[in-house]
Amino acid sequence: FNSDKGCQFTAVRFTQRLVDAGIAPSTGSVGDSFDNALAENLWSTLKIELIYWPARVFATRAEAEAALFRYIDGWYNPRRIQAGLRGLSPDEYERAYYDRPDGQEADIIEPELVGAR
């Protein structure tokens, strides 16, 4: 279970219900900026690159959903370069993985823990 640390999620009764159900809460400490950092970063990117930058207004919810799908599935996931993939996009990384000579170690990724504490 993930929460934004609103008061209802820190209440003793709510915490006890999670324990009773065998659910581990996925929260940091109160005021922890890392709790929702990845989700907040994604939403910020979506707003800037999909809505604000081209100054778009969608006529219908279906139009907005189609644009979101095209953005995420057509560019954000497969083609966006990533530091953890040595500056390659996931598509480029996958091609490099399958194009490597037989028997060569798959050592393309070097783990990078940015912001780890």
C-alpha atoms as a PDB file:
ATOM      1  CA  PHE A   1       0.000   0.000   0.000  1.00  0.00           C
ATOM      2  CA  ASN A   2       1.358   3.434  -0.907  1.00  0.00           C
ATOM      3  CA  SER A   3       0.237   6.728   0.557  1.00  0.00           C
ATOM      4  CA  ASP A   4       1.164  10.375   0.485  1.00  0.00           C
ATOM      5  CA  LYS A   5       1.310  10.467   4.292  1.00  0.00           C
ATOM      6  CA  GLY A   6      -2.001  12.236   4.654  1.00  0.00           C
ATOM      7  CA  CYS A   7      -3.458  12.125   8.155  1.00  0.00           C
ATOM      8  CA  GLN A   8      -5.764   9.205   7.337  1.00  0.00           C
ATOM      9  CA  PHE A   9      -2.734   7.076   6.436  1.00  0.00           C
ATOM     10  CA  THR A  10      -0.845   7.764   9.654  1.00  0.00           C
ATOM     11  CA  ALA A  11      -3.823   7.088  11.886  1.00  0.00           C
ATOM     12  CA  VAL A  12      -3.382   4.246  14.365  1.00  0.00           C
ATOM     13  CA  ARG A  13      -6.585   2.483  13.252  1.00  0.00           C
ATOM     14  CA  PHE A  14      -5.599   2.614   9.592  1.00  0.00           C
ATOM     15  CA  THR A  15      -2.131   1.269  10.351  1.00  0.00           C
ATOM     16  CA  GLN A  16      -3.671  -1.558  12.394  1.00  0.00           C
ATOM     17  CA  ARG A  17      -5.982  -2.484   9.486  1.00  0.00           C
ATOM     18  CA  LEU A  18      -2.948  -2.747   7.195  1.00  0.00           C
ATOM     19  CA  VAL A  19      -1.206  -5.007   9.709  1.00  0.00           C
ATOM     20  CA  ASP A  20      -4.334  -7.155  10.125  1.00  0.00           C
ATOM     21  CA  ALA A  21      -4.615  -7.548   6.342  1.00  0.00           C
ATOM     22  CA  GLY A  22      -0.918  -8.414   6.018  1.00  0.00           C
ATOM     23  CA  ILE A  23      -0.189  -5.330   3.919  1.00  0.00           C
ATOM     24  CA  ALA A  24       3.120  -3.522   4.300  1.00  0.00           C
ATOM     25  CA  PRO A  25       2.856   0.254   4.021  1.00  0.00           C
ATOM     26  CA  SER A  26       5.105   1.803   1.372  1.00  0.00           C
ATOM     27  CA  THR A  27       5.820   5.165   2.916  1.00  0.00           C
ATOM     28  CA  GLY A  28       8.810   7.123   4.047  1.00  0.00           C
ATOM     29  CA  SER A  29       8.964   9.286   7.103  1.00  0.00           C
ATOM     30  CA  VAL A  30       6.741  12.344   7.368  1.00  0.00           C
ATOM     31  CA  GLY A  31       8.126  15.094   5.167  1.00  0.00           C
ATOM     32  CA  ASP A  32      10.384  12.705   3.258  1.00  0.00           C
ATOM     33  CA  SER A  33      10.855  14.127  -0.239  1.00  0.00           C
ATOM     34  CA  PHE A  34      11.750  10.719  -1.684  1.00  0.00           C
ATOM     35  CA  ASP A  35       8.357   9.104  -0.979  1.00  0.00           C
ATOM     36  CA  ASN A  36       6.670  10.081  -4.265  1.00  0.00           C
ATOM     37  CA  ALA A  37       9.647  11.500  -6.154  1.00  0.00           C
ATOM     38  CA  LEU A  38       9.440   9.151  -9.157  1.00  0.00           C
ATOM     39  CA  ALA A  39       5.707   9.584  -9.636  1.00  0.00           C
ATOM     40  CA  GLU A  40       5.956  13.367  -9.249  1.00  0.00           C
ATOM     41  CA  ASN A  41       8.783  13.449 -11.798  1.00  0.00           C
ATOM     42  CA  LEU A  42       6.725  11.472 -14.327  1.00  0.00           C
ATOM     43  CA  TRP A  43       3.668  13.722 -13.904  1.00  0.00           C
ATOM     44  CA  SER A  44       5.834  16.819 -14.285  1.00  0.00           C
ATOM     45  CA  THR A  45       7.386  15.444 -17.474  1.00  0.00           C
ATOM     46  CA  LEU A  46       3.975  14.515 -18.879  1.00  0.00           C
ATOM     47  CA  LYS A  47       2.571  17.971 -18.208  1.00  0.00           C
ATOM     48  CA  ILE A  48       5.548  19.760 -19.746  1.00  0.00           C
ATOM     49  CA  GLU A  49       6.091  17.569 -22.799  1.00  0.00           C
ATOM     50  CA  LEU A  50       2.535  16.498 -23.596  1.00  0.00           C
ATOM     51  CA  ILE A  51       0.371  19.409 -22.518  1.00  0.00           C
ATOM     52  CA  TYR A  52       2.221  22.690 -21.847  1.00  0.00           C
ATOM     53  CA  TRP A  53       4.964  22.642 -24.484  1.00  0.00           C
ATOM     54  CA  PRO A  54       2.692  22.102 -27.489  1.00  0.00           C
ATOM     55  CA  ALA A  55      -0.039  24.103 -25.670  1.00  0.00           C
ATOM     56  CA  ARG A  56      -2.624  21.359 -26.175  1.00  0.00           C
ATOM     57  CA  VAL A  57      -6.252  21.262 -25.201  1.00  0.00           C
ATOM     58  CA  PHE A  58      -8.044  17.963 -25.698  1.00  0.00           C
ATOM     59  CA  ALA A  59     -11.620  17.971 -26.960  1.00  0.00           C
ATOM     60  CA  THR A  60     -12.544  14.706 -25.239  1.00  0.00           C
ATOM     61  CA  ARG A  61     -11.253  12.390 -22.565  1.00  0.00           C
ATOM     62  CA  ALA A  62     -10.729   9.716 -25.251  1.00  0.00           C
ATOM     63  CA  GLU A  63      -8.508  12.108 -27.223  1.00  0.00           C
ATOM     64  CA  ALA A  64      -6.441  12.829 -24.104  1.00  0.00           C
ATOM     65  CA  GLU A  65      -6.124   9.116 -23.286  1.00  0.00           C
ATOM     66  CA  ALA A  66      -4.994   8.324 -26.860  1.00  0.00           C
ATOM     67  CA  ALA A  67      -2.372  11.096 -26.739  1.00  0.00           C
ATOM     68  CA  LEU A  68      -1.130   9.850 -23.355  1.00  0.00           C
ATOM     69  CA  PHE A  69      -0.873   6.284 -24.662  1.00  0.00           C
ATOM     70  CA  ARG A  70       1.033   7.416 -27.781  1.00  0.00           C
ATOM     71  CA  TYR A  71       3.418   9.475 -25.642  1.00  0.00           C
ATOM     72  CA  ILE A  72       4.165   6.776 -23.058  1.00  0.00           C
ATOM     73  CA  ASP A  73       4.149   3.711 -25.303  1.00  0.00           C
ATOM     74  CA  GLY A  74       5.503   5.388 -28.417  1.00  0.00           C
ATOM     75  CA  TRP A  75       8.275   7.553 -26.967  1.00  0.00           C
ATOM     76  CA  TYR A  76       8.678   7.739 -23.189  1.00  0.00           C
ATOM     77  CA  ASN A  77       9.142   4.015 -22.521  1.00  0.00           C
ATOM     78  CA  PRO A  78      10.949   2.747 -25.649  1.00  0.00           C
ATOM     79  CA  ARG A  79      12.993   5.680 -26.981  1.00  0.00           C
ATOM     80  CA  ARG A  80      13.858   8.012 -24.082  1.00  0.00           C
ATOM     81  CA  ILE A  81      17.586   7.823 -23.298  1.00  0.00           C
ATOM     82  CA  GLN A  82      18.500   6.688 -19.799  1.00  0.00           C
ATOM     83  CA  ALA A  83      21.699   7.238 -17.834  1.00  0.00           C
ATOM     84  CA  GLY A  84      21.440   3.750 -16.304  1.00  0.00           C
ATOM     85  CA  LEU A  85      21.625   2.273 -19.813  1.00  0.00           C
ATOM     86  CA  ARG A  86      24.814   4.239 -20.636  1.00  0.00           C
ATOM     87  CA  GLY A  87      22.856   6.897 -22.493  1.00  0.00           C
ATOM     88  CA  LEU A  88      20.939   4.412 -24.635  1.00  0.00           C
ATOM     89  CA  SER A  89      17.184   4.186 -25.010  1.00  0.00           C
ATOM     90  CA  PRO A  90      15.520   0.924 -23.957  1.00  0.00           C
ATOM     91  CA  ASP A  91      15.064   0.030 -27.652  1.00  0.00           C
ATOM     92  CA  GLU A  92      18.754   0.681 -28.383  1.00  0.00           C
ATOM     93  CA  TYR A  93      19.795  -1.263 -25.291  1.00  0.00           C
ATOM     94  CA  GLU A  94      17.663  -4.249 -26.276  1.00  0.00           C
ATOM     95  CA  ARG A  95      19.094  -4.226 -29.819  1.00  0.00           C
ATOM     96  CA  ALA A  96      22.640  -4.071 -28.403  1.00  0.00           C
ATOM     97  CA  TYR A  97      21.832  -6.962 -26.078  1.00  0.00           C
ATOM     98  CA  TYR A  98      20.557  -9.224 -28.856  1.00  0.00           C
ATOM     99  CA  ASP A  99      23.235  -8.137 -31.364  1.00  0.00           C
ATOM    100  CA  ARG A 100      26.169  -8.986 -29.081  1.00  0.00           C
ATOM    101  CA  PRO A 101      28.436 -11.834 -30.211  1.00  0.00           C
ATOM    102  CA  ASP A 102      27.598 -15.284 -28.841  1.00  0.00           C
ATOM    103  CA  GLY A 103      29.127 -15.948 -25.470  1.00  0.00           C
ATOM    104  CA  GLN A 104      29.805 -12.293 -24.687  1.00  0.00           C
ATOM    105  CA  GLU A 105      28.793 -11.263 -21.203  1.00  0.00           C
ATOM    106  CA  ALA A 106      25.745  -9.032 -20.954  1.00  0.00           C
ATOM    107  CA  ASP A 107      27.602  -6.265 -19.115  1.00  0.00           C
ATOM    108  CA  ILE A 108      25.993  -3.329 -20.865  1.00  0.00           C
ATOM    109  CA  ILE A 109      24.242  -1.964 -17.777  1.00  0.00           C
ATOM    110  CA  GLU A 110      26.239  -0.421 -14.993  1.00  0.00           C
ATOM    111  CA  PRO A 111      23.959   0.119 -12.005  1.00  0.00           C
ATOM    112  CA  GLU A 112      23.803   3.704 -10.873  1.00  0.00           C
ATOM    113  CA  LEU A 113      22.033   4.535  -7.643  1.00  0.00           C
ATOM    114  CA  VAL A 114      21.295   8.210  -8.039  1.00  0.00           C
ATOM    115  CA  GLY A 115      19.993   9.748  -4.842  1.00  0.00           C
ATOM    116  CA  ALA A 116      20.369   6.544  -2.833  1.00  0.00           C
ATOM    117  CA  ARG A 117      20.891   7.005   0.839  1.00  0.00           C
END
